[in-house]
Amino acid sequence: MATEHINVSHVAHLARLELNAEECEVFQRQLDAILGHAESLAALDVTGIEPTSYPVPVYDVMREDEPRPSLPAAAVLANAPDQAQDQIRVPKVIADA
């Protein structure tokens, strides 16, 4: 079991989640189990083991960045549900203040 407990109800409040007491208890047990497992991993002696994030080497394969002609505006606007002044019109996403 982890030595430090994370207050699930406090974290839920910060995340604006409404959890009842039963859900907080379930999440608390799960979180304690996860932190306990992390503690057991921290206790392992890993001296001499090289850090890695992948089990096999990963090589970057990138193509050359070469300029190419883009689509004509008419082709781009052909599938636009709404357009104005040769631009795609989208719904307003910023709420009025």
N, C-alpha and C. Protein backbone atom coordinates (compact mmCIF):
# COMPACT_ATOMS: atom_id res chain seq x y z
N MET A 1 0.85 -1.17 0.00
CA MET A 1 0.00 0.00 0.00
C MET A 1 0.90 1.24 0.00
N ALA A 2 0.50 2.25 -0.68
CA ALA A 2 1.28 3.47 -0.78
C ALA A 2 1.34 4.19 0.56
N THR A 3 2.46 4.86 0.82
CA THR A 3 2.58 5.58 2.08
C THR A 3 1.81 6.89 2.01
N GLU A 4 1.73 7.51 0.86
CA GLU A 4 0.98 8.75 0.69
C GLU A 4 -0.35 8.44 0.04
N HIS A 5 -1.42 9.01 0.59
CA HIS A 5 -2.75 8.83 0.00
C HIS A 5 -3.12 10.10 -0.75
N ILE A 6 -3.72 9.93 -1.89
CA ILE A 6 -4.24 11.04 -2.66
C ILE A 6 -5.73 11.12 -2.37
N ASN A 7 -6.20 12.28 -1.98
CA ASN A 7 -7.59 12.47 -1.65
C ASN A 7 -8.41 12.51 -2.95
N VAL A 8 -9.09 11.42 -3.24
CA VAL A 8 -9.84 11.29 -4.49
C VAL A 8 -10.95 12.32 -4.58
N SER A 9 -11.64 12.57 -3.48
CA SER A 9 -12.74 13.54 -3.54
C SER A 9 -12.22 14.95 -3.83
N HIS A 10 -11.05 15.29 -3.32
CA HIS A 10 -10.46 16.60 -3.60
C HIS A 10 -10.07 16.70 -5.08
N VAL A 11 -9.44 15.67 -5.59
CA VAL A 11 -9.05 15.67 -7.01
C VAL A 11 -10.28 15.72 -7.90
N ALA A 12 -11.32 14.99 -7.52
CA ALA A 12 -12.57 15.01 -8.29
C ALA A 12 -13.17 16.41 -8.29
N HIS A 13 -13.10 17.08 -7.15
CA HIS A 13 -13.61 18.46 -7.07
C HIS A 13 -12.82 19.38 -7.99
N LEU A 14 -11.49 19.25 -7.98
CA LEU A 14 -10.65 20.07 -8.85
C LEU A 14 -10.95 19.81 -10.32
N ALA A 15 -11.27 18.57 -10.66
CA ALA A 15 -11.58 18.20 -12.04
C ALA A 15 -13.06 18.43 -12.37
N ARG A 16 -13.79 18.99 -11.41
CA ARG A 16 -15.22 19.26 -11.58
C ARG A 16 -16.01 17.99 -11.91
N LEU A 17 -15.66 16.91 -11.19
CA LEU A 17 -16.37 15.65 -11.32
C LEU A 17 -17.24 15.44 -10.09
N GLU A 18 -18.44 14.99 -10.29
CA GLU A 18 -19.32 14.69 -9.17
C GLU A 18 -19.27 13.20 -8.90
N LEU A 19 -18.60 12.82 -7.81
CA LEU A 19 -18.50 11.42 -7.42
C LEU A 19 -19.21 11.23 -6.10
N ASN A 20 -19.96 10.14 -5.98
CA ASN A 20 -20.58 9.85 -4.70
C ASN A 20 -19.56 9.13 -3.81
N ALA A 21 -19.91 8.88 -2.57
CA ALA A 21 -18.98 8.29 -1.60
C ALA A 21 -18.52 6.90 -2.05
N GLU A 22 -19.42 6.12 -2.63
CA GLU A 22 -19.06 4.77 -3.09
C GLU A 22 -18.03 4.83 -4.22
N GLU A 23 -18.23 5.75 -5.17
CA GLU A 23 -17.28 5.89 -6.28
C GLU A 23 -15.93 6.36 -5.77
N CYS A 24 -15.93 7.30 -4.81
CA CYS A 24 -14.66 7.77 -4.24
C CYS A 24 -13.92 6.62 -3.57
N GLU A 25 -14.65 5.76 -2.86
CA GLU A 25 -14.02 4.63 -2.19
C GLU A 25 -13.41 3.65 -3.19
N VAL A 26 -14.15 3.37 -4.26
CA VAL A 26 -13.63 2.46 -5.30
C VAL A 26 -12.38 3.04 -5.95
N PHE A 27 -12.45 4.33 -6.32
CA PHE A 27 -11.29 4.96 -6.96
C PHE A 27 -10.11 5.06 -5.99
N GLN A 28 -10.39 5.27 -4.71
CA GLN A 28 -9.31 5.35 -3.73
C GLN A 28 -8.58 4.02 -3.64
N ARG A 29 -9.32 2.90 -3.59
CA ARG A 29 -8.68 1.58 -3.55
C ARG A 29 -7.86 1.34 -4.82
N GLN A 30 -8.42 1.69 -5.97
CA GLN A 30 -7.69 1.49 -7.23
C GLN A 30 -6.42 2.33 -7.27
N LEU A 31 -6.54 3.58 -6.83
CA LEU A 31 -5.38 4.47 -6.84
C LEU A 31 -4.31 3.99 -5.86
N ASP A 32 -4.73 3.51 -4.70
CA ASP A 32 -3.76 2.97 -3.74
C ASP A 32 -3.04 1.75 -4.31
N ALA A 33 -3.77 0.91 -5.05
CA ALA A 33 -3.14 -0.26 -5.67
C ALA A 33 -2.13 0.16 -6.72
N ILE A 34 -2.46 1.17 -7.50
CA ILE A 34 -1.54 1.67 -8.53
C ILE A 34 -0.29 2.26 -7.89
N LEU A 35 -0.48 3.08 -6.86
CA LEU A 35 0.67 3.68 -6.19
C LEU A 35 1.51 2.63 -5.47
N GLY A 36 0.87 1.59 -4.94
CA GLY A 36 1.61 0.50 -4.32
C GLY A 36 2.47 -0.24 -5.33
N HIS A 37 1.92 -0.45 -6.52
CA HIS A 37 2.70 -1.09 -7.58
C HIS A 37 3.88 -0.20 -7.99
N ALA A 38 3.65 1.11 -8.09
CA ALA A 38 4.75 2.02 -8.43
C ALA A 38 5.83 1.99 -7.36
N GLU A 39 5.45 1.86 -6.10
CA GLU A 39 6.44 1.75 -5.02
C GLU A 39 7.27 0.48 -5.16
N SER A 40 6.62 -0.62 -5.53
CA SER A 40 7.36 -1.87 -5.68
C SER A 40 8.33 -1.77 -6.85
N LEU A 41 7.95 -1.05 -7.90
CA LEU A 41 8.87 -0.85 -9.02
C LEU A 41 10.02 0.05 -8.63
N ALA A 42 9.75 1.05 -7.80
CA ALA A 42 10.81 1.96 -7.36
C ALA A 42 11.83 1.25 -6.47
N ALA A 43 11.44 0.16 -5.83
CA ALA A 43 12.34 -0.58 -4.96
C ALA A 43 13.31 -1.47 -5.72
N LEU A 44 13.08 -1.69 -7.01
CA LEU A 44 13.95 -2.56 -7.81
C LEU A 44 15.30 -1.91 -8.05
N ASP A 45 16.35 -2.72 -8.05
CA ASP A 45 17.70 -2.24 -8.35
C ASP A 45 17.89 -2.25 -9.87
N VAL A 46 17.99 -1.06 -10.45
CA VAL A 46 18.13 -0.96 -11.91
C VAL A 46 19.48 -0.36 -12.30
N THR A 47 20.45 -0.45 -11.42
CA THR A 47 21.77 0.07 -11.77
C THR A 47 22.34 -0.74 -12.92
N GLY A 48 22.89 -0.04 -13.88
CA GLY A 48 23.49 -0.70 -15.03
C GLY A 48 22.49 -1.02 -16.14
N ILE A 49 21.25 -0.71 -15.95
CA ILE A 49 20.25 -0.94 -16.99
C ILE A 49 19.99 0.38 -17.70
N GLU A 50 20.19 0.37 -18.99
CA GLU A 50 20.01 1.59 -19.78
C GLU A 50 18.53 1.93 -19.90
N PRO A 51 18.15 3.20 -19.66
CA PRO A 51 16.75 3.59 -19.80
C PRO A 51 16.28 3.44 -21.25
N THR A 52 15.07 3.00 -21.42
CA THR A 52 14.50 2.84 -22.75
C THR A 52 13.00 3.03 -22.68
N SER A 53 12.42 3.50 -23.76
CA SER A 53 10.97 3.65 -23.79
C SER A 53 10.35 2.68 -24.79
N TYR A 54 11.18 2.00 -25.57
CA TYR A 54 10.69 1.02 -26.54
C TYR A 54 11.50 -0.27 -26.40
N PRO A 55 10.88 -1.41 -26.60
CA PRO A 55 11.62 -2.66 -26.46
C PRO A 55 12.61 -2.91 -27.60
N VAL A 56 12.42 -2.25 -28.73
CA VAL A 56 13.34 -2.38 -29.86
C VAL A 56 13.75 -0.98 -30.30
N PRO A 57 14.90 -0.84 -30.94
CA PRO A 57 15.32 0.49 -31.39
C PRO A 57 14.33 1.09 -32.39
N VAL A 58 14.14 2.39 -32.27
CA VAL A 58 13.24 3.10 -33.18
C VAL A 58 14.08 4.10 -33.96
N TYR A 59 13.92 4.06 -35.26
CA TYR A 59 14.67 4.96 -36.12
C TYR A 59 13.70 5.92 -36.79
N ASP A 60 14.05 7.19 -36.79
CA ASP A 60 13.21 8.17 -37.46
C ASP A 60 13.34 8.03 -38.96
N VAL A 61 12.23 7.89 -39.61
CA VAL A 61 12.20 7.84 -41.06
C VAL A 61 11.37 9.03 -41.51
N MET A 62 12.05 9.99 -42.08
CA MET A 62 11.36 11.20 -42.50
C MET A 62 11.67 11.49 -43.96
N ARG A 63 10.69 11.97 -44.64
CA ARG A 63 10.90 12.34 -46.03
C ARG A 63 11.46 13.76 -46.10
N GLU A 64 12.03 14.09 -47.19
CA GLU A 64 12.52 15.45 -47.39
C GLU A 64 11.35 16.41 -47.44
N ASP A 65 11.53 17.57 -46.88
CA ASP A 65 10.50 18.59 -46.89
C ASP A 65 10.65 19.41 -48.17
N GLU A 66 9.87 19.02 -49.15
CA GLU A 66 9.95 19.69 -50.45
C GLU A 66 8.63 20.40 -50.73
N PRO A 67 8.71 21.63 -51.22
CA PRO A 67 7.46 22.33 -51.55
C PRO A 67 6.75 21.65 -52.71
N ARG A 68 5.43 21.57 -52.60
CA ARG A 68 4.62 20.99 -53.66
C ARG A 68 3.43 21.89 -53.89
N PRO A 69 2.83 21.84 -55.04
CA PRO A 69 1.65 22.68 -55.26
C PRO A 69 0.49 22.19 -54.39
N SER A 70 -0.27 23.15 -53.87
CA SER A 70 -1.40 22.79 -53.03
C SER A 70 -2.65 22.62 -53.89
N LEU A 71 -3.73 22.21 -53.25
CA LEU A 71 -4.99 22.04 -53.97
C LEU A 71 -5.51 23.39 -54.43
N PRO A 72 -6.17 23.43 -55.54
CA PRO A 72 -6.81 24.69 -55.94
C PRO A 72 -7.95 25.02 -54.98
N ALA A 73 -8.21 26.31 -54.79
CA ALA A 73 -9.24 26.75 -53.86
C ALA A 73 -10.60 26.15 -54.20
N ALA A 74 -10.91 26.03 -55.47
CA ALA A 74 -12.20 25.48 -55.89
C ALA A 74 -12.35 24.03 -55.42
N ALA A 75 -11.29 23.25 -55.46
CA ALA A 75 -11.35 21.85 -55.02
C ALA A 75 -11.54 21.77 -53.51
N VAL A 76 -10.91 22.66 -52.77
CA VAL A 76 -11.04 22.66 -51.32
C VAL A 76 -12.46 23.07 -50.93
N LEU A 77 -12.99 24.08 -51.59
CA LEU A 77 -14.31 24.59 -51.25
C LEU A 77 -15.44 23.71 -51.77
N ALA A 78 -15.14 22.78 -52.63
CA ALA A 78 -16.18 21.93 -53.23
C ALA A 78 -16.92 21.12 -52.17
N ASN A 79 -16.25 20.68 -51.12
CA ASN A 79 -16.88 19.87 -50.08
C ASN A 79 -17.25 20.66 -48.84
N ALA A 80 -17.01 21.96 -48.85
CA ALA A 80 -17.32 22.78 -47.68
C ALA A 80 -18.83 22.94 -47.55
N PRO A 81 -19.39 22.69 -46.37
CA PRO A 81 -20.84 22.85 -46.21
C PRO A 81 -21.28 24.30 -46.30
N ASP A 82 -20.41 25.25 -45.94
CA ASP A 82 -20.75 26.66 -46.02
C ASP A 82 -19.48 27.43 -46.36
N GLN A 83 -19.60 28.43 -47.23
CA GLN A 83 -18.42 29.19 -47.63
C GLN A 83 -18.81 30.64 -47.89
N ALA A 84 -17.82 31.51 -47.73
CA ALA A 84 -18.01 32.93 -48.00
C ALA A 84 -16.66 33.53 -48.33
N GLN A 85 -16.59 34.35 -49.34
CA GLN A 85 -15.38 35.04 -49.76
C GLN A 85 -14.21 34.08 -49.97
N ASP A 86 -14.49 33.00 -50.66
CA ASP A 86 -13.49 31.96 -50.96
C ASP A 86 -12.83 31.38 -49.69
N GLN A 87 -13.61 31.28 -48.61
CA GLN A 87 -13.14 30.69 -47.37
C GLN A 87 -14.22 29.76 -46.83
N ILE A 88 -13.81 28.79 -46.02
CA ILE A 88 -14.77 27.88 -45.41
C ILE A 88 -15.35 28.58 -44.18
N ARG A 89 -16.66 28.66 -44.10
CA ARG A 89 -17.33 29.29 -42.96
C ARG A 89 -17.68 28.20 -41.95
N VAL A 90 -17.31 28.45 -40.69
CA VAL A 90 -17.58 27.50 -39.62
C VAL A 90 -18.39 28.18 -38.53
N PRO A 91 -19.09 27.41 -37.70
CA PRO A 91 -19.85 28.05 -36.61
C PRO A 91 -18.94 28.75 -35.62
N LYS A 92 -19.46 29.79 -35.00
CA LYS A 92 -18.74 30.53 -33.98
C LYS A 92 -18.49 29.61 -32.78
N VAL A 93 -17.25 29.56 -32.28
CA VAL A 93 -16.92 28.67 -31.18
C VAL A 93 -16.59 29.41 -29.89
N ILE A 94 -16.52 30.72 -29.93
CA ILE A 94 -16.22 31.52 -28.74
C ILE A 94 -17.52 32.07 -28.21
N ALA A 95 -17.81 31.77 -26.96
CA ALA A 95 -19.06 32.23 -26.35
C ALA A 95 -18.98 33.72 -26.08
N ASP A 96 -20.13 34.37 -26.09
CA ASP A 96 -20.17 35.79 -25.78
C ASP A 96 -19.80 36.00 -24.32
N ALA A 97 -18.98 37.01 -24.08
CA ALA A 97 -18.54 37.28 -22.71
C ALA A 97 -19.56 38.09 -21.95
